[in-house]
Amino acid sequence: MKHVLIIEDDHDISRLLEIHLTNMGFQTTLAFDGKDGLLKGIENEYDMIILDIMLPSMDGFEVCRQLRIEKVNSPILMLTSKSEEIDKVVGLETGADDYMTKPFSVRELEARIKAIMRRVEGVRHSPNGASHRIIEIDNLHIDSANRIVRKNGERISLTPKEFELLVLMASNPGRTYSRMDLLNEVWNYDFEGYEHTVNSHINRLRGKIEDDMNDPRFILTAWGVGYRFREF
């Protein structure tokens, strides 16, 4: 049974999420403040984390940031009661995979959760068949069907978005992607303002697969345009 961590200080919303996730077949664990949620997220493995932004003791942005620093790669769905785009941008830049604005419908919640789980399980196949490929380049091994990445034979833990970025670009070596291209392909967002989200994820991905982030061998910068994966 898949296990979801819910970090939400509003007890009514927490219980509502718990009920619907249980009905969807998930096991749930609840945390009602940021520090407790962070501790639970680090100490246990979860298939997904639902994280509110406005939390006591530590806000959701910092919880998300610390989880990623601690190499917790569970997909994170961030909840916000604010409508400002900046909150969504910051959430995605700190490592969240998706966001929902409260209040939300049960149907929307279920759709978002199912979409995230499909991506994690590799059910959503890309048109170019990249989901079935094994890519070997130098000391990097990418098994896109099983969502496994190894460097020098050691497995690397990637977040869902980091993995999708890597597979997309490695499956199309030499092709230059603008930040908007990557937003469309990986996040399904097609509007300006989220470009720094791509930069943040690229930097984290480079930190995991490159020997030297200042002189990357795999993910190269196309100055003034975006990024490309080196040809091989």
C-alpha atoms as a PDB file:
ATOM      1  CA  MET A   1       0.000   0.000   0.000  1.00  0.00           C
ATOM      2  CA  LYS A   2       1.351   3.414  -0.946  1.00  0.00           C
ATOM      3  CA  HIS A   3       2.019   5.783   1.932  1.00  0.00           C
ATOM      4  CA  VAL A   4       1.344   9.536   1.871  1.00  0.00           C
ATOM      5  CA  LEU A   5       2.564  12.093   4.412  1.00  0.00           C
ATOM      6  CA  ILE A   6       0.154  15.005   4.961  1.00  0.00           C
ATOM      7  CA  ILE A   7       1.731  18.126   6.505  1.00  0.00           C
ATOM      8  CA  GLU A   8      -1.171  20.500   7.204  1.00  0.00           C
ATOM      9  CA  ASP A   9      -1.936  22.471  10.382  1.00  0.00           C
ATOM     10  CA  ASP A  10      -5.662  22.820   9.689  1.00  0.00           C
ATOM     11  CA  HIS A  11      -7.107  19.709  11.339  1.00  0.00           C
ATOM     12  CA  ASP A  12     -10.302  19.781   9.284  1.00  0.00           C
ATOM     13  CA  ILE A  13      -8.391  19.870   6.001  1.00  0.00           C
ATOM     14  CA  SER A  14      -5.990  17.198   7.256  1.00  0.00           C
ATOM     15  CA  ARG A  15      -8.841  14.858   8.140  1.00  0.00           C
ATOM     16  CA  LEU A  16     -10.561  15.572   4.818  1.00  0.00           C
ATOM     17  CA  LEU A  17      -7.356  14.704   2.953  1.00  0.00           C
ATOM     18  CA  GLU A  18      -6.915  11.609   5.090  1.00  0.00           C
ATOM     19  CA  ILE A  19     -10.444  10.379   4.320  1.00  0.00           C
ATOM     20  CA  HIS A  20     -10.145  10.848   0.571  1.00  0.00           C
ATOM     21  CA  LEU A  21      -6.645   9.364   0.363  1.00  0.00           C
ATOM     22  CA  THR A  22      -7.805   6.359   2.379  1.00  0.00           C
ATOM     23  CA  ASN A  23     -10.708   5.939  -0.025  1.00  0.00           C
ATOM     24  CA  MET A  24      -8.181   6.024  -2.869  1.00  0.00           C
ATOM     25  CA  GLY A  25      -6.284   3.154  -1.246  1.00  0.00           C
ATOM     26  CA  PHE A  26      -3.436   5.050   0.414  1.00  0.00           C
ATOM     27  CA  GLN A  27      -2.042   4.770   3.908  1.00  0.00           C
ATOM     28  CA  THR A  28      -1.598   8.192   5.514  1.00  0.00           C
ATOM     29  CA  THR A  29       0.491   9.834   8.217  1.00  0.00           C
ATOM     30  CA  LEU A  30      -0.377  13.294   9.549  1.00  0.00           C
ATOM     31  CA  ALA A  31       1.855  16.121  10.769  1.00  0.00           C
ATOM     32  CA  PHE A  32       0.423  19.423  11.999  1.00  0.00           C
ATOM     33  CA  ASP A  33       3.486  21.678  11.984  1.00  0.00           C
ATOM     34  CA  GLY A  34       6.515  22.192   9.794  1.00  0.00           C
ATOM     35  CA  LYS A  35       9.244  20.797  12.043  1.00  0.00           C
ATOM     36  CA  ASP A  36       7.312  17.627  12.839  1.00  0.00           C
ATOM     37  CA  GLY A  37       6.508  17.169   9.144  1.00  0.00           C
ATOM     38  CA  LEU A  38      10.160  17.632   8.206  1.00  0.00           C
ATOM     39  CA  LEU A  39      11.256  15.069  10.800  1.00  0.00           C
ATOM     40  CA  LYS A  40       8.686  12.530   9.640  1.00  0.00           C
ATOM     41  CA  GLY A  41       9.639  13.145   6.007  1.00  0.00           C
ATOM     42  CA  ILE A  42      13.317  12.511   6.717  1.00  0.00           C
ATOM     43  CA  GLU A  43      12.913   9.516   9.020  1.00  0.00           C
ATOM     44  CA  ASN A  44      10.446   7.541   6.877  1.00  0.00           C
ATOM     45  CA  GLU A  45       9.935   6.790   3.197  1.00  0.00           C
ATOM     46  CA  TYR A  46       6.754   8.066   1.576  1.00  0.00           C
ATOM     47  CA  ASP A  47       5.356   7.631  -1.909  1.00  0.00           C
ATOM     48  CA  MET A  48       4.111  11.211  -1.814  1.00  0.00           C
ATOM     49  CA  ILE A  49       4.072  14.264   0.478  1.00  0.00           C
ATOM     50  CA  ILE A  50       1.212  16.781   0.590  1.00  0.00           C
ATOM     51  CA  LEU A  51       2.615  19.983   2.075  1.00  0.00           C
ATOM     52  CA  ASP A  52       0.857  23.175   3.140  1.00  0.00           C
ATOM     53  CA  ILE A  53       2.767  26.465   2.846  1.00  0.00           C
ATOM     54  CA  MET A  54       1.443  28.289   5.935  1.00  0.00           C
ATOM     55  CA  LEU A  55       2.611  26.121   8.844  1.00  0.00           C
ATOM     56  CA  PRO A  56       3.626  26.811  12.451  1.00  0.00           C
ATOM     57  CA  SER A  57       7.312  26.420  13.463  1.00  0.00           C
ATOM     58  CA  MET A  58       8.545  26.193   9.854  1.00  0.00           C
ATOM     59  CA  ASP A  59       6.793  27.204   6.636  1.00  0.00           C
ATOM     60  CA  GLY A  60       6.223  24.823   3.755  1.00  0.00           C
ATOM     61  CA  PHE A  61       8.864  26.442   1.545  1.00  0.00           C
ATOM     62  CA  GLU A  62      11.582  25.734   4.113  1.00  0.00           C
ATOM     63  CA  VAL A  63      10.255  22.225   4.779  1.00  0.00           C
ATOM     64  CA  CYS A  64      10.403  21.479   1.064  1.00  0.00           C
ATOM     65  CA  ARG A  65      13.881  22.983   0.752  1.00  0.00           C
ATOM     66  CA  GLN A  66      15.195  20.968   3.705  1.00  0.00           C
ATOM     67  CA  LEU A  67      13.621  17.734   2.454  1.00  0.00           C
ATOM     68  CA  ARG A  68      15.428  18.130  -0.851  1.00  0.00           C
ATOM     69  CA  ILE A  69      18.701  18.967   0.898  1.00  0.00           C
ATOM     70  CA  GLU A  70      18.282  15.753   2.896  1.00  0.00           C
ATOM     71  CA  LYS A  71      17.806  13.908  -0.423  1.00  0.00           C
ATOM     72  CA  VAL A  72      14.163  13.083   0.237  1.00  0.00           C
ATOM     73  CA  ASN A  73      12.942  12.584  -3.314  1.00  0.00           C
ATOM     74  CA  SER A  74       9.280  11.752  -2.724  1.00  0.00           C
ATOM     75  CA  PRO A  75       7.030  13.806  -5.004  1.00  0.00           C
ATOM     76  CA  ILE A  76       5.672  16.861  -3.193  1.00  0.00           C
ATOM     77  CA  LEU A  77       2.254  18.393  -3.835  1.00  0.00           C
ATOM     78  CA  MET A  78       2.216  21.846  -2.255  1.00  0.00           C
ATOM     79  CA  LEU A  79      -0.977  23.449  -0.934  1.00  0.00           C
ATOM     80  CA  THR A  80      -1.461  27.192  -0.695  1.00  0.00           C
ATOM     81  CA  SER A  81      -4.374  29.399   0.273  1.00  0.00           C
ATOM     82  CA  LYS A  82      -2.764  32.298  -1.534  1.00  0.00           C
ATOM     83  CA  SER A  83      -3.454  33.191  -5.146  1.00  0.00           C
ATOM     84  CA  GLU A  84      -0.226  35.068  -5.890  1.00  0.00           C
ATOM     85  CA  GLU A  85       1.844  33.440  -8.615  1.00  0.00           C
ATOM     86  CA  ILE A  86       5.029  34.142  -6.655  1.00  0.00           C
ATOM     87  CA  ASP A  87       4.052  31.531  -4.050  1.00  0.00           C
ATOM     88  CA  LYS A  88       3.629  28.907  -6.733  1.00  0.00           C
ATOM     89  CA  VAL A  89       6.930  29.844  -8.335  1.00  0.00           C
ATOM     90  CA  VAL A  90       8.820  29.723  -5.041  1.00  0.00           C
ATOM     91  CA  GLY A  91       7.228  26.387  -4.191  1.00  0.00           C
ATOM     92  CA  LEU A  92       8.321  24.835  -7.455  1.00  0.00           C
ATOM     93  CA  GLU A  93      11.791  26.330  -7.201  1.00  0.00           C
ATOM     94  CA  THR A  94      12.321  24.807  -3.769  1.00  0.00           C
ATOM     95  CA  GLY A  95      11.624  21.358  -5.210  1.00  0.00           C
ATOM     96  CA  ALA A  96       7.864  20.817  -5.194  1.00  0.00           C
ATOM     97  CA  ASP A  97       6.442  18.806  -8.087  1.00  0.00           C
ATOM     98  CA  ASP A  98       3.018  20.424  -8.260  1.00  0.00           C
ATOM     99  CA  TYR A  99       0.740  22.764  -6.327  1.00  0.00           C
ATOM    100  CA  MET A 100      -2.921  23.282  -5.577  1.00  0.00           C
ATOM    101  CA  THR A 101      -4.636  26.448  -4.380  1.00  0.00           C
ATOM    102  CA  LYS A 102      -7.127  26.110  -1.523  1.00  0.00           C
ATOM    103  CA  PRO A 103     -10.042  25.723  -1.590  1.00  0.00           C
ATOM    104  CA  PHE A 104      -9.882  22.794  -4.007  1.00  0.00           C
ATOM    105  CA  SER A 105     -12.371  20.186  -5.132  1.00  0.00           C
ATOM    106  CA  VAL A 106     -12.056  16.504  -4.294  1.00  0.00           C
ATOM    107  CA  ARG A 107     -12.074  15.731  -8.014  1.00  0.00           C
ATOM    108  CA  GLU A 108      -9.130  18.068  -8.602  1.00  0.00           C
ATOM    109  CA  LEU A 109      -7.249  16.580  -5.652  1.00  0.00           C
ATOM    110  CA  GLU A 110      -7.702  13.040  -6.939  1.00  0.00           C
ATOM    111  CA  ALA A 111      -6.681  14.057 -10.458  1.00  0.00           C
ATOM    112  CA  ARG A 112      -3.476  15.741  -9.262  1.00  0.00           C
ATOM    113  CA  ILE A 113      -2.513  12.790  -7.052  1.00  0.00           C
ATOM    114  CA  LYS A 114      -3.164  10.245  -9.792  1.00  0.00           C
ATOM    115  CA  ALA A 115      -1.199  12.313 -12.318  1.00  0.00           C
ATOM    116  CA  ILE A 116       1.797  12.536  -9.998  1.00  0.00           C
ATOM    117  CA  MET A 117       1.688   8.810  -9.232  1.00  0.00           C
ATOM    118  CA  ARG A 118       1.480   7.971 -12.930  1.00  0.00           C
ATOM    119  CA  ARG A 119       4.585  10.013 -13.618  1.00  0.00           C
ATOM    120  CA  VAL A 120       6.485   8.428 -10.756  1.00  0.00           C
ATOM    121  CA  GLU A 121       5.562   4.915 -11.834  1.00  0.00           C
ATOM    122  CA  GLY A 122       6.494   5.641 -15.425  1.00  0.00           C
ATOM    123  CA  VAL A 123       2.985   4.957 -16.690  1.00  0.00           C
ATOM    124  CA  ARG A 124       2.961   8.141 -18.735  1.00  0.00           C
ATOM    125  CA  HIS A 125       5.124   7.340 -21.777  1.00  0.00           C
ATOM    126  CA  SER A 126       6.681  10.024 -23.891  1.00  0.00           C
ATOM    127  CA  PRO A 127       5.912  10.083 -27.630  1.00  0.00           C
ATOM    128  CA  ASN A 128       9.499   9.303 -28.604  1.00  0.00           C
ATOM    129  CA  GLY A 129       9.473   6.080 -26.604  1.00  0.00           C
ATOM    130  CA  ALA A 130      12.025   7.379 -24.125  1.00  0.00           C
ATOM    131  CA  SER A 131      10.253   5.525 -21.321  1.00  0.00           C
ATOM    132  CA  HIS A 132      11.674   2.232 -22.675  1.00  0.00           C
ATOM    133  CA  ARG A 133      15.258   3.301 -23.326  1.00  0.00           C
ATOM    134  CA  ILE A 134      18.507   2.536 -21.572  1.00  0.00           C
ATOM    135  CA  ILE A 135      21.045   5.286 -22.156  1.00  0.00           C
ATOM    136  CA  GLU A 136      24.758   4.820 -21.445  1.00  0.00           C
ATOM    137  CA  ILE A 137      27.158   7.736 -21.699  1.00  0.00           C
ATOM    138  CA  ASP A 138      30.556   7.715 -20.012  1.00  0.00           C
ATOM    139  CA  ASN A 139      29.959   6.890 -16.337  1.00  0.00           C
ATOM    140  CA  LEU A 140      26.220   7.664 -16.487  1.00  0.00           C
ATOM    141  CA  HIS A 141      23.568   4.936 -16.855  1.00  0.00           C
ATOM    142  CA  ILE A 142      19.906   5.865 -17.351  1.00  0.00           C
ATOM    143  CA  ASP A 143      17.240   3.140 -17.295  1.00  0.00           C
ATOM    144  CA  SER A 144      14.134   5.122 -18.100  1.00  0.00           C
ATOM    145  CA  ALA A 145      11.743   2.148 -17.988  1.00  0.00           C
ATOM    146  CA  ASN A 146      12.650   1.336 -14.379  1.00  0.00           C
ATOM    147  CA  ARG A 147      13.450   4.944 -13.434  1.00  0.00           C
ATOM    148  CA  ILE A 148      16.980   4.078 -12.349  1.00  0.00           C
ATOM    149  CA  VAL A 149      20.003   6.358 -12.775  1.00  0.00           C
ATOM    150  CA  ARG A 150      23.522   5.285 -11.852  1.00  0.00           C
ATOM    151  CA  LYS A 151      26.801   7.176 -11.829  1.00  0.00           C
ATOM    152  CA  ASN A 152      29.996   5.113 -11.618  1.00  0.00           C
ATOM    153  CA  GLY A 153      27.785   2.133 -10.845  1.00  0.00           C
ATOM    154  CA  GLU A 154      26.161   3.768  -7.819  1.00  0.00           C
ATOM    155  CA  ARG A 155      22.467   4.550  -7.884  1.00  0.00           C
ATOM    156  CA  ILE A 156      21.516   8.237  -7.815  1.00  0.00           C
ATOM    157  CA  SER A 157      18.282   9.306  -6.170  1.00  0.00           C
ATOM    158  CA  LEU A 158      16.370  11.854  -8.247  1.00  0.00           C
ATOM    159  CA  THR A 159      13.081  13.622  -7.672  1.00  0.00           C
ATOM    160  CA  PRO A 160      10.365  12.913 -10.265  1.00  0.00           C
ATOM    161  CA  LYS A 161      10.958  16.257 -12.017  1.00  0.00           C
ATOM    162  CA  GLU A 162      14.733  15.810 -12.023  1.00  0.00           C
ATOM    163  CA  PHE A 163      14.285  12.386 -13.572  1.00  0.00           C
ATOM    164  CA  GLU A 164      11.877  13.654 -16.229  1.00  0.00           C
ATOM    165  CA  LEU A 165      14.237  16.489 -17.134  1.00  0.00           C
ATOM    166  CA  LEU A 166      17.180  14.100 -17.445  1.00  0.00           C
ATOM    167  CA  VAL A 167      15.340  11.535 -19.558  1.00  0.00           C
ATOM    168  CA  LEU A 168      13.846  14.163 -21.842  1.00  0.00           C
ATOM    169  CA  MET A 169      17.176  15.812 -22.620  1.00  0.00           C
ATOM    170  CA  ALA A 170      19.300  12.637 -22.669  1.00  0.00           C
ATOM    171  CA  SER A 171      16.817  11.084 -25.112  1.00  0.00           C
ATOM    172  CA  ASN A 172      17.354  14.032 -27.453  1.00  0.00           C
ATOM    173  CA  PRO A 173      21.116  14.725 -27.285  1.00  0.00           C
ATOM    174  CA  GLY A 174      22.218  17.923 -28.968  1.00  0.00           C
ATOM    175  CA  ARG A 175      18.738  19.407 -29.013  1.00  0.00           C
ATOM    176  CA  THR A 176      18.525  22.809 -27.338  1.00  0.00           C
ATOM    177  CA  TYR A 177      15.532  23.370 -25.074  1.00  0.00           C
ATOM    178  CA  SER A 178      14.471  26.818 -23.980  1.00  0.00           C
ATOM    179  CA  ARG A 179      13.228  27.168 -20.422  1.00  0.00           C
ATOM    180  CA  MET A 180       9.698  27.554 -21.759  1.00  0.00           C
ATOM    181  CA  ASP A 181      10.125  24.331 -23.754  1.00  0.00           C
ATOM    182  CA  LEU A 182      11.066  22.483 -20.579  1.00  0.00           C
ATOM    183  CA  LEU A 183       8.186  24.030 -18.646  1.00  0.00           C
ATOM    184  CA  ASN A 184       5.792  22.780 -21.314  1.00  0.00           C
ATOM    185  CA  GLU A 185       7.321  19.307 -21.561  1.00  0.00           C
ATOM    186  CA  VAL A 186       7.960  18.536 -17.899  1.00  0.00           C
ATOM    187  CA  TRP A 187       5.661  20.782 -15.849  1.00  0.00           C
ATOM    188  CA  ASN A 188       2.890  21.340 -18.402  1.00  0.00           C
ATOM    189  CA  TYR A 189       3.034  25.082 -17.673  1.00  0.00           C
ATOM    190  CA  ASP A 190       3.025  27.360 -20.684  1.00  0.00           C
ATOM    191  CA  PHE A 191       3.257  30.858 -19.239  1.00  0.00           C
ATOM    192  CA  GLU A 192       6.084  33.180 -18.337  1.00  0.00           C
ATOM    193  CA  GLY A 193       7.277  33.676 -14.794  1.00  0.00           C
ATOM    194  CA  TYR A 194       8.283  30.092 -14.044  1.00  0.00           C
ATOM    195  CA  GLU A 195      11.607  30.029 -15.928  1.00  0.00           C
ATOM    196  CA  HIS A 196      13.657  30.126 -12.718  1.00  0.00           C
ATOM    197  CA  THR A 197      11.936  26.897 -11.684  1.00  0.00           C
ATOM    198  CA  VAL A 198      13.789  25.209 -14.543  1.00  0.00           C
ATOM    199  CA  ASN A 199      17.102  26.772 -13.510  1.00  0.00           C
ATOM    200  CA  SER A 200      16.698  25.523  -9.936  1.00  0.00           C
ATOM    201  CA  HIS A 201      15.962  21.966 -11.021  1.00  0.00           C
ATOM    202  CA  ILE A 202      18.780  21.938 -13.566  1.00  0.00           C
ATOM    203  CA  ASN A 203      21.222  23.064 -10.878  1.00  0.00           C
ATOM    204  CA  ARG A 204      20.091  20.335  -8.487  1.00  0.00           C
ATOM    205  CA  LEU A 205      20.273  17.742 -11.266  1.00  0.00           C
ATOM    206  CA  ARG A 206      23.775  18.839 -12.229  1.00  0.00           C
ATOM    207  CA  GLY A 207      24.813  18.569  -8.598  1.00  0.00           C
ATOM    208  CA  LYS A 208      23.894  14.884  -8.691  1.00  0.00           C
ATOM    209  CA  ILE A 209      25.188  13.736 -12.095  1.00  0.00           C
ATOM    210  CA  GLU A 210      28.106  16.060 -12.850  1.00  0.00           C
ATOM    211  CA  ASP A 211      31.624  15.686 -11.430  1.00  0.00           C
ATOM    212  CA  ASP A 212      32.095  19.440 -11.597  1.00  0.00           C
ATOM    213  CA  MET A 213      29.060  21.726 -11.727  1.00  0.00           C
ATOM    214  CA  ASN A 214      31.249  24.580 -12.955  1.00  0.00           C
ATOM    215  CA  ASP A 215      32.369  22.495 -15.928  1.00  0.00           C
ATOM    216  CA  PRO A 216      29.427  20.191 -16.726  1.00  0.00           C
ATOM    217  CA  ARG A 217      29.905  17.312 -19.153  1.00  0.00           C
ATOM    218  CA  PHE A 218      26.306  16.221 -19.617  1.00  0.00           C
ATOM    219  CA  ILE A 219      23.842  19.096 -19.270  1.00  0.00           C
ATOM    220  CA  LEU A 220      25.254  22.069 -21.141  1.00  0.00           C
ATOM    221  CA  THR A 221      24.057  25.663 -21.140  1.00  0.00           C
ATOM    222  CA  ALA A 222      23.020  27.157 -24.461  1.00  0.00           C
ATOM    223  CA  TRP A 223      23.714  30.773 -23.583  1.00  0.00           C
ATOM    224  CA  GLY A 224      20.758  33.059 -24.132  1.00  0.00           C
ATOM    225  CA  VAL A 225      18.489  30.126 -24.991  1.00  0.00           C
ATOM    226  CA  GLY A 226      18.356  27.316 -22.444  1.00  0.00           C
ATOM    227  CA  TYR A 227      19.957  23.892 -22.066  1.00  0.00           C
ATOM    228  CA  ARG A 228      20.963  20.852 -24.081  1.00  0.00           C
ATOM    229  CA  PHE A 229      22.325  17.393 -23.364  1.00  0.00           C
ATOM    230  CA  ARG A 230      25.695  16.718 -24.985  1.00  0.00           C
ATOM    231  CA  GLU A 231      25.755  14.603 -28.102  1.00  0.00           C
ATOM    232  CA  PHE A 232      27.112  11.072 -27.847  1.00  0.00           C
END
